[in-house]
PDB file of N, CA and C in Angstrom:
ATOM      1  N   MET A   1     217.745  48.929 177.875  1.00  0.00           N
ATOM      2  CA  MET A   1     216.498  47.809 178.025  1.00  0.00           C
ATOM      3  C   MET A   1     215.283  48.691 178.667  1.00  0.00           C
ATOM      4  N   GLY A   2     214.226  48.323 177.536  1.00  0.00           N
ATOM      5  CA  GLY A   2     212.649  48.885 178.191  1.00  0.00           C
ATOM      6  C   GLY A   2     212.876  47.464 179.859  1.00  0.00           C
ATOM      7  N   TRP A   3     211.323  47.599 180.155  1.00  0.00           N
ATOM      8  CA  TRP A   3     210.590  46.834 181.353  1.00  0.00           C
ATOM      9  C   TRP A   3     209.906  45.999 180.282  1.00  0.00           C
ATOM     10  N   LYS A   4     209.682  46.120 179.517  1.00  0.00           N
ATOM     11  CA  LYS A   4     208.950  44.996 178.675  1.00  0.00           C
ATOM     12  C   LYS A   4     209.921  43.975 178.224  1.00  0.00           C
ATOM     13  N   SER A   5     209.543  42.550 178.954  1.00  0.00           N
ATOM     14  CA  SER A   5     209.757  41.148 177.571  1.00  0.00           C
ATOM     15  C   SER A   5     209.117  41.190 176.351  1.00  0.00           C
ATOM     16  N   THR A   6     209.862  40.541 175.620  1.00  0.00           N
ATOM     17  CA  THR A   6     209.345  40.017 174.031  1.00  0.00           C
ATOM     18  C   THR A   6     208.405  38.662 174.203  1.00  0.00           C
ATOM     19  N   LYS A   7     206.818  38.689 173.543  1.00  0.00           N
ATOM     20  CA  LYS A   7     206.271  37.638 173.831  1.00  0.00           C
ATOM     21  C   LYS A   7     206.014  37.378 172.214  1.00  0.00           C
ATOM     22  N   GLU A   8     206.090  35.685 171.688  1.00  0.00           N
ATOM     23  CA  GLU A   8     206.125  35.485 170.412  1.00  0.00           C
ATOM     24  C   GLU A   8     204.403  34.821 170.435  1.00  0.00           C
ATOM     25  N   LEU A   9     204.057  35.358 169.862  1.00  0.00           N
ATOM     26  CA  LEU A   9     202.440  34.713 169.396  1.00  0.00           C
ATOM     27  C   LEU A   9     202.394  34.313 168.097  1.00  0.00           C
ATOM     28  N   THR A  10     201.103  33.664 168.521  1.00  0.00           N
ATOM     29  CA  THR A  10     200.902  33.240 166.291  1.00  0.00           C
ATOM     30  C   THR A  10     200.283  34.185 166.060  1.00  0.00           C
ATOM     31  N   ARG A  11     200.006  34.246 164.586  1.00  0.00           N
ATOM     32  CA  ARG A  11     199.291  35.306 164.037  1.00  0.00           C
ATOM     33  C   ARG A  11     197.725  35.002 164.895  1.00  0.00           C
ATOM     34  N   ARG A  12     196.876  33.908 165.057  1.00  0.00           N
ATOM     35  CA  ARG A  12     196.154  33.799 165.816  1.00  0.00           C
ATOM     36  C   ARG A  12     195.328  34.372 167.126  1.00  0.00           C
ATOM     37  N   GLU A  13     196.629  34.318 167.636  1.00  0.00           N
ATOM     38  CA  GLU A  13     196.826  35.256 169.079  1.00  0.00           C
ATOM     39  C   GLU A  13     196.820  36.059 168.860  1.00  0.00           C
ATOM     40  N   ALA A  14     197.387  36.882 168.125  1.00  0.00           N
ATOM     41  CA  ALA A  14     197.480  38.261 168.112  1.00  0.00           C
ATOM     42  C   ALA A  14     196.633  38.708 167.708  1.00  0.00           C
ATOM     43  N   ILE A  15     195.317  38.211 166.593  1.00  0.00           N
ATOM     44  CA  ILE A  15     194.409  38.507 166.464  1.00  0.00           C
ATOM     45  C   ILE A  15     193.478  38.076 167.336  1.00  0.00           C
ATOM     46  N   GLN A  16     193.174  37.754 168.384  1.00  0.00           N
ATOM     47  CA  GLN A  16     192.298  37.050 169.530  1.00  0.00           C
ATOM     48  C   GLN A  16     192.450  38.103 170.577  1.00  0.00           C
ATOM     49  N   ALA A  17     193.859  38.727 170.125  1.00  0.00           N
ATOM     50  CA  ALA A  17     193.970  40.074 171.400  1.00  0.00           C
ATOM     51  C   ALA A  17     193.759  41.133 171.110  1.00  0.00           C
ATOM     52  N   ILE A  18     193.685  41.245 169.359  1.00  0.00           N
ATOM     53  CA  ILE A  18     193.114  42.878 168.978  1.00  0.00           C
ATOM     54  C   ILE A  18     191.619  43.225 168.823  1.00  0.00           C
ATOM     55  N   MET A  19     190.927  41.733 168.682  1.00  0.00           N
ATOM     56  CA  MET A  19     189.591  41.525 168.848  1.00  0.00           C
ATOM     57  C   MET A  19     188.821  41.989 170.121  1.00  0.00           C
ATOM     58  N   SER A  20     189.946  41.433 171.084  1.00  0.00           N
ATOM     59  CA  SER A  20     189.351  41.214 172.567  1.00  0.00           C
ATOM     60  C   SER A  20     189.069  42.868 172.831  1.00  0.00           C
ATOM     61  N   VAL A  21     190.346  43.483 172.587  1.00  0.00           N
ATOM     62  CA  VAL A  21     190.524  45.306 172.522  1.00  0.00           C
ATOM     63  C   VAL A  21     189.188  46.016 172.084  1.00  0.00           C
ATOM     64  N   ILE A  22     189.152  45.595 170.525  1.00  0.00           N
ATOM     65  CA  ILE A  22     188.422  46.578 169.722  1.00  0.00           C
ATOM     66  C   ILE A  22     186.796  46.064 170.513  1.00  0.00           C
ATOM     67  N   GLU A  23     186.211  44.934 170.768  1.00  0.00           N
ATOM     68  CA  GLU A  23     184.849  44.510 171.374  1.00  0.00           C
ATOM     69  C   GLU A  23     184.645  45.590 172.866  1.00  0.00           C
ATOM     70  N   LYS A  24     185.987  45.778 173.231  1.00  0.00           N
ATOM     71  CA  LYS A  24     185.694  46.497 174.688  1.00  0.00           C
ATOM     72  C   LYS A  24     185.550  48.267 174.072  1.00  0.00           C
ATOM     73  N   THR A  25     185.617  48.408 173.136  1.00  0.00           N
ATOM     74  CA  THR A  25     184.989  50.161 172.459  1.00  0.00           C
ATOM     75  C   THR A  25     183.904  49.990 173.232  1.00  0.00           C
ATOM     76  N   PRO A  26     183.634  51.367 173.886  1.00  0.00           N
ATOM     77  CA  PRO A  26     182.027  51.628 173.963  1.00  0.00           C
ATOM     78  C   PRO A  26     181.671  52.479 172.745  1.00  0.00           C
ATOM     79  N   TYR A  27     181.189  51.743 171.723  1.00  0.00           N
ATOM     80  CA  TYR A  27     180.914  52.501 170.618  1.00  0.00           C
ATOM     81  C   TYR A  27     179.557  53.183 171.122  1.00  0.00           C
ATOM     82  N   ASP A  28     178.637  52.808 171.853  1.00  0.00           N
ATOM     83  CA  ASP A  28     177.145  52.700 171.955  1.00  0.00           C
ATOM     84  C   ASP A  28     177.331  54.454 172.578  1.00  0.00           C
ATOM     85  N   ASP A  29     178.195  54.358 173.411  1.00  0.00           N
ATOM     86  CA  ASP A  29     179.275  56.067 174.113  1.00  0.00           C
ATOM     87  C   ASP A  29     179.823  57.057 173.126  1.00  0.00           C
ATOM     88  N   MET A  30     180.027  56.756 172.142  1.00  0.00           N
ATOM     89  CA  MET A  30     180.535  57.595 170.736  1.00  0.00           C
ATOM     90  C   MET A  30     179.462  58.864 170.670  1.00  0.00           C
ATOM     91  N   THR A  31     180.383  59.889 169.866  1.00  0.00           N
ATOM     92  CA  THR A  31     179.149  60.818 169.399  1.00  0.00           C
ATOM     93  C   THR A  31     179.073  60.464 168.128  1.00  0.00           C
ATOM     94  N   ASN A  32     178.502  60.576 166.986  1.00  0.00           N
ATOM     95  CA  ASN A  32     178.231  59.882 165.618  1.00  0.00           C
ATOM     96  C   ASN A  32     179.279  60.430 165.043  1.00  0.00           C
ATOM     97  N   GLU A  33     180.042  61.614 165.029  1.00  0.00           N
ATOM     98  CA  GLU A  33     181.277  61.997 164.617  1.00  0.00           C
ATOM     99  C   GLU A  33     182.100  61.988 165.318  1.00  0.00           C
ATOM    100  N   GLU A  34     182.357  61.345 166.279  1.00  0.00           N
ATOM    101  CA  GLU A  34     183.628  60.282 167.012  1.00  0.00           C
ATOM    102  C   GLU A  34     183.325  58.695 166.034  1.00  0.00           C
ATOM    103  N   LEU A  35     182.058  58.005 165.717  1.00  0.00           N
ATOM    104  CA  LEU A  35     182.500  56.891 165.472  1.00  0.00           C
ATOM    105  C   LEU A  35     182.196  57.020 163.578  1.00  0.00           C
ATOM    106  N   GLU A  36     182.184  58.089 162.902  1.00  0.00           N
ATOM    107  CA  GLU A  36     182.810  58.660 161.713  1.00  0.00           C
ATOM    108  C   GLU A  36     183.588  58.946 161.374  1.00  0.00           C
ATOM    109  N   ASN A  37     184.504  59.344 162.336  1.00  0.00           N
ATOM    110  CA  ASN A  37     186.196  59.070 162.601  1.00  0.00           C
ATOM    111  C   ASN A  37     187.058  57.998 162.480  1.00  0.00           C
ATOM    112  N   VAL A  38     186.235  57.093 163.337  1.00  0.00           N
ATOM    113  CA  VAL A  38     186.412  55.251 163.805  1.00  0.00           C
ATOM    114  C   VAL A  38     186.649  54.805 162.600  1.00  0.00           C
ATOM    115  N   MET A  39     185.358  54.774 161.719  1.00  0.00           N
ATOM    116  CA  MET A  39     184.678  54.585 159.881  1.00  0.00           C
ATOM    117  C   MET A  39     186.502  54.747 159.400  1.00  0.00           C
ATOM    118  N   TYR A  40     186.252  56.377 158.983  1.00  0.00           N
ATOM    119  CA  TYR A  40     187.474  56.707 158.334  1.00  0.00           C
ATOM    120  C   TYR A  40     189.225  55.932 158.538  1.00  0.00           C
ATOM    121  N   GLY A  41     189.083  55.865 160.083  1.00  0.00           N
ATOM    122  CA  GLY A  41     190.429  55.406 160.250  1.00  0.00           C
ATOM    123  C   GLY A  41     190.359  54.126 159.980  1.00  0.00           C
ATOM    124  N   LEU A  42     189.311  53.047 159.787  1.00  0.00           N
ATOM    125  CA  LEU A  42     189.452  52.388 159.615  1.00  0.00           C
ATOM    126  C   LEU A  42     190.067  51.770 157.853  1.00  0.00           C
ATOM    127  N   GLY A  43     189.823  52.825 157.082  1.00  0.00           N
ATOM    128  CA  GLY A  43     190.042  53.004 155.665  1.00  0.00           C
ATOM    129  C   GLY A  43     188.515  52.757 155.196  1.00  0.00           C
ATOM    130  N   MET A  44     187.575  53.126 155.433  1.00  0.00           N
ATOM    131  CA  MET A  44     186.274  52.654 154.702  1.00  0.00           C
ATOM    132  C   MET A  44     185.902  53.705 154.448  1.00  0.00           C
ATOM    133  N   GLY A  45     185.437  53.417 152.766  1.00  0.00           N
ATOM    134  CA  GLY A  45     185.136  55.061 152.209  1.00  0.00           C
ATOM    135  C   GLY A  45     186.352  55.039 150.980  1.00  0.00           C
ATOM    136  N   ASP A  46     187.484  54.027 151.360  1.00  0.00           N
ATOM    137  CA  ASP A  46     188.670  54.349 150.654  1.00  0.00           C
ATOM    138  C   ASP A  46     189.261  53.139 150.008  1.00  0.00           C
ATOM    139  N   GLU A  47     189.144  52.295 150.892  1.00  0.00           N
ATOM    140  CA  GLU A  47     189.525  50.809 150.781  1.00  0.00           C
ATOM    141  C   GLU A  47     188.751  50.135 149.890  1.00  0.00           C
ATOM    142  N   LEU A  48     188.974  49.691 148.838  1.00  0.00           N
ATOM    143  CA  LEU A  48     187.833  48.576 148.204  1.00  0.00           C
ATOM    144  C   LEU A  48     187.290  47.176 148.776  1.00  0.00           C
ATOM    145  N   ASP A  49     187.904  46.860 149.357  1.00  0.00           N
ATOM    146  CA  ASP A  49     187.292  45.645 149.682  1.00  0.00           C
ATOM    147  C   ASP A  49     186.804  45.908 151.047  1.00  0.00           C
ATOM    148  N   LEU A  50     186.404  47.064 151.654  1.00  0.00           N
ATOM    149  CA  LEU A  50     185.637  47.405 152.993  1.00  0.00           C
ATOM    150  C   LEU A  50     184.266  47.697 152.405  1.00  0.00           C
ATOM    151  N   PRO A  51     183.625  47.754 153.556  1.00  0.00           N
ATOM    152  CA  PRO A  51     182.381  48.358 153.564  1.00  0.00           C
ATOM    153  C   PRO A  51     182.232  49.918 153.215  1.00  0.00           C
ATOM    154  N   TYR A  52     181.344  50.381 151.871  1.00  0.00           N
ATOM    155  CA  TYR A  52     180.904  51.648 151.824  1.00  0.00           C
ATOM    156  C   TYR A  52     182.528  52.601 150.710  1.00  0.00           C
ATOM    157  N   PHE A  53     182.991  51.574 149.862  1.00  0.00           N
ATOM    158  CA  PHE A  53     183.886  51.864 149.339  1.00  0.00           C
ATOM    159  C   PHE A  53     183.316  52.956 148.170  1.00  0.00           C
ATOM    160  N   GLY A  54     184.353  54.273 147.821  1.00  0.00           N
ATOM    161  CA  GLY A  54     183.846  55.310 147.165  1.00  0.00           C
ATOM    162  C   GLY A  54     183.029  56.313 147.453  1.00  0.00           C
ATOM    163  N   TYR A  55     181.856  56.280 148.901  1.00  0.00           N
ATOM    164  CA  TYR A  55     181.107  56.727 149.733  1.00  0.00           C
ATOM    165  C   TYR A  55     182.050  57.640 150.649  1.00  0.00           C
ATOM    166  N   ASN A  56     181.870  58.943 151.216  1.00  0.00           N
ATOM    167  CA  ASN A  56     182.013  59.494 152.329  1.00  0.00           C
ATOM    168  C   ASN A  56     180.968  59.750 152.581  1.00  0.00           C
ATOM    169  N   PHE A  57     180.547  59.339 154.177  1.00  0.00           N
ATOM    170  CA  PHE A  57     179.348  59.325 154.603  1.00  0.00           C
ATOM    171  C   PHE A  57     178.851  59.754 156.279  1.00  0.00           C
ATOM    172  N   THR A  58     178.303  59.496 156.610  1.00  0.00           N
ATOM    173  CA  THR A  58     177.624  60.987 157.583  1.00  0.00           C
ATOM    174  C   THR A  58     176.861  60.087 158.581  1.00  0.00           C
ATOM    175  N   VAL A  59     177.260  60.009 159.873  1.00  0.00           N
ATOM    176  CA  VAL A  59     176.031  59.118 160.766  1.00  0.00           C
ATOM    177  C   VAL A  59     175.540  60.043 161.730  1.00  0.00           C
ATOM    178  N   LEU A  60     174.229  59.332 161.615  1.00  0.00           N
ATOM    179  CA  LEU A  60     173.128  59.716 161.900  1.00  0.00           C
ATOM    180  C   LEU A  60     172.181  58.900 163.094  1.00  0.00           C
ATOM    181  N   ASP A  61     171.506  59.871 163.619  1.00  0.00           N
ATOM    182  CA  ASP A  61     170.856  58.776 164.997  1.00  0.00           C
ATOM    183  C   ASP A  61     169.681  57.486 163.998  1.00  0.00           C
ATOM    184  N   LYS A  62     169.243  58.474 163.054  1.00  0.00           N
ATOM    185  CA  LYS A  62     168.027  57.621 162.728  1.00  0.00           C
ATOM    186  C   LYS A  62     168.008  58.111 160.533  1.00  0.00           C
ATOM    187  N   LEU A  63     167.785  57.352 160.077  1.00  0.00           N
ATOM    188  CA  LEU A  63     168.072  58.224 158.665  1.00  0.00           C
ATOM    189  C   LEU A  63     165.990  58.603 158.145  1.00  0.00           C
ATOM    190  N   ASN A  64     165.314  57.943 158.598  1.00  0.00           N
ATOM    191  CA  ASN A  64     164.086  58.450 158.364  1.00  0.00           C
ATOM    192  C   ASN A  64     162.788  57.674 159.327  1.00  0.00           C
ATOM    193  N   GLU A  65     161.596  57.648 158.879  1.00  0.00           N
ATOM    194  CA  GLU A  65     160.779  57.257 160.102  1.00  0.00           C
ATOM    195  C   GLU A  65     160.808  55.902 159.724  1.00  0.00           C
ATOM    196  N   GLU A  66     161.010  55.628 158.742  1.00  0.00           N
ATOM    197  CA  GLU A  66     161.176  54.075 158.530  1.00  0.00           C
ATOM    198  C   GLU A  66     162.263  53.221 159.552  1.00  0.00           C
ATOM    199  N   GLU A  67     162.699  53.519 159.905  1.00  0.00           N
ATOM    200  CA  GLU A  67     163.944  53.261 160.873  1.00  0.00           C
ATOM    201  C   GLU A  67     163.233  53.258 162.857  1.00  0.00           C
ATOM    202  N   ASP A  68     161.862  54.146 162.887  1.00  0.00           N
ATOM    203  CA  ASP A  68     161.405  53.945 164.217  1.00  0.00           C
ATOM    204  C   ASP A  68     160.319  52.113 164.125  1.00  0.00           C
ATOM    205  N   GLU A  69     159.941  52.243 162.755  1.00  0.00           N
ATOM    206  CA  GLU A  69     159.337  51.153 162.915  1.00  0.00           C
ATOM    207  C   GLU A  69     160.269  49.623 162.520  1.00  0.00           C
ATOM    208  N   LYS A  70     161.676  49.910 162.508  1.00  0.00           N
ATOM    209  CA  LYS A  70     162.316  48.015 162.782  1.00  0.00           C
ATOM    210  C   LYS A  70     162.175  48.016 164.245  1.00  0.00           C
TER     211      LYS A  70
END
């Protein structure tokens, strides 16, 4: 038997726990390639109900000069 005990959680508690960890991920410190990998890992581009369905993508620092004006 392992050292961990079993804890029963509601769906809401499980989702809150997952989101608290996700929010701590240092996305600003990731390279553009790492961000792409995270997006692909989440199914973006492949999953119909997620953003960018049907696309491959490349993360860039800026798309064009218009980004500087925003």
